[in-house]
Amino acid sequence: MPVSLICIVVVSLLTAAPSKEIQDMVDEVRVPSGKAILASHH
């Protein structure tokens, strides 16, 4: 378990940050839109 945490940190420090376009796309995907499906079942 500690080895995987160290690997995550090392890889994140060695890789470049995503471009602004990619960050905007991820933010767009995270924002929910449309009707909530689960709300009608409760």
C-alpha atoms as a PDB file:
ATOM      1  CA  MET A   1       0.000   0.000   0.000  1.00  0.00           C
ATOM      2  CA  PRO A   2       2.694   2.599   0.856  1.00  0.00           C
ATOM      3  CA  VAL A   3       4.555   1.700  -2.353  1.00  0.00           C
ATOM      4  CA  SER A   4       1.536   2.568  -4.482  1.00  0.00           C
ATOM      5  CA  LEU A   5       1.191   5.922  -2.722  1.00  0.00           C
ATOM      6  CA  ILE A   6       4.845   6.706  -3.421  1.00  0.00           C
ATOM      7  CA  CYS A   7       4.350   5.730  -7.079  1.00  0.00           C
ATOM      8  CA  ILE A   8       1.333   8.020  -7.377  1.00  0.00           C
ATOM      9  CA  VAL A   9       3.282  10.963  -5.966  1.00  0.00           C
ATOM     10  CA  VAL A  10       6.334  10.333  -8.163  1.00  0.00           C
ATOM     11  CA  VAL A  11       4.286   9.976 -11.341  1.00  0.00           C
ATOM     12  CA  SER A  12       2.253  13.093 -10.597  1.00  0.00           C
ATOM     13  CA  LEU A  13       5.458  15.097 -10.044  1.00  0.00           C
ATOM     14  CA  LEU A  14       7.090  13.817 -13.238  1.00  0.00           C
ATOM     15  CA  THR A  15       4.178  14.318 -15.636  1.00  0.00           C
ATOM     16  CA  ALA A  16       3.125  17.641 -17.087  1.00  0.00           C
ATOM     17  CA  ALA A  17      -0.130  19.262 -16.089  1.00  0.00           C
ATOM     18  CA  PRO A  18      -2.978  18.895 -18.581  1.00  0.00           C
ATOM     19  CA  SER A  19      -3.653  21.752 -20.972  1.00  0.00           C
ATOM     20  CA  LYS A  20      -6.313  24.351 -20.234  1.00  0.00           C
ATOM     21  CA  GLU A  21      -8.509  22.769 -22.918  1.00  0.00           C
ATOM     22  CA  ILE A  22      -8.405  19.387 -21.169  1.00  0.00           C
ATOM     23  CA  GLN A  23      -9.066  20.953 -17.772  1.00  0.00           C
ATOM     24  CA  ASP A  24     -12.095  22.783 -19.186  1.00  0.00           C
ATOM     25  CA  MET A  25     -13.387  19.538 -20.721  1.00  0.00           C
ATOM     26  CA  VAL A  26     -13.103  17.727 -17.374  1.00  0.00           C
ATOM     27  CA  ASP A  27     -14.910  20.580 -15.609  1.00  0.00           C
ATOM     28  CA  GLU A  28     -17.665  20.423 -18.237  1.00  0.00           C
ATOM     29  CA  VAL A  29     -18.117  16.687 -17.692  1.00  0.00           C
ATOM     30  CA  ARG A  30     -18.244  17.062 -13.912  1.00  0.00           C
ATOM     31  CA  VAL A  31     -21.166  19.504 -13.973  1.00  0.00           C
ATOM     32  CA  PRO A  32     -24.427  17.552 -14.015  1.00  0.00           C
ATOM     33  CA  SER A  33     -27.101  18.584 -16.460  1.00  0.00           C
ATOM     34  CA  GLY A  34     -30.545  17.377 -17.323  1.00  0.00           C
ATOM     35  CA  LYS A  35     -33.102  15.620 -15.200  1.00  0.00           C
ATOM     36  CA  ALA A  36     -32.054  13.632 -12.131  1.00  0.00           C
ATOM     37  CA  ILE A  37     -32.885   9.980 -12.709  1.00  0.00           C
ATOM     38  CA  LEU A  38     -32.528   8.742  -9.128  1.00  0.00           C
ATOM     39  CA  ALA A  39     -34.582  11.561  -7.587  1.00  0.00           C
ATOM     40  CA  SER A  40     -37.841  10.134  -8.967  1.00  0.00           C
ATOM     41  CA  HIS A  41     -37.245   6.706  -7.411  1.00  0.00           C
ATOM     42  CA  HIS A  42     -37.016   7.898  -3.796  1.00  0.00           C
END
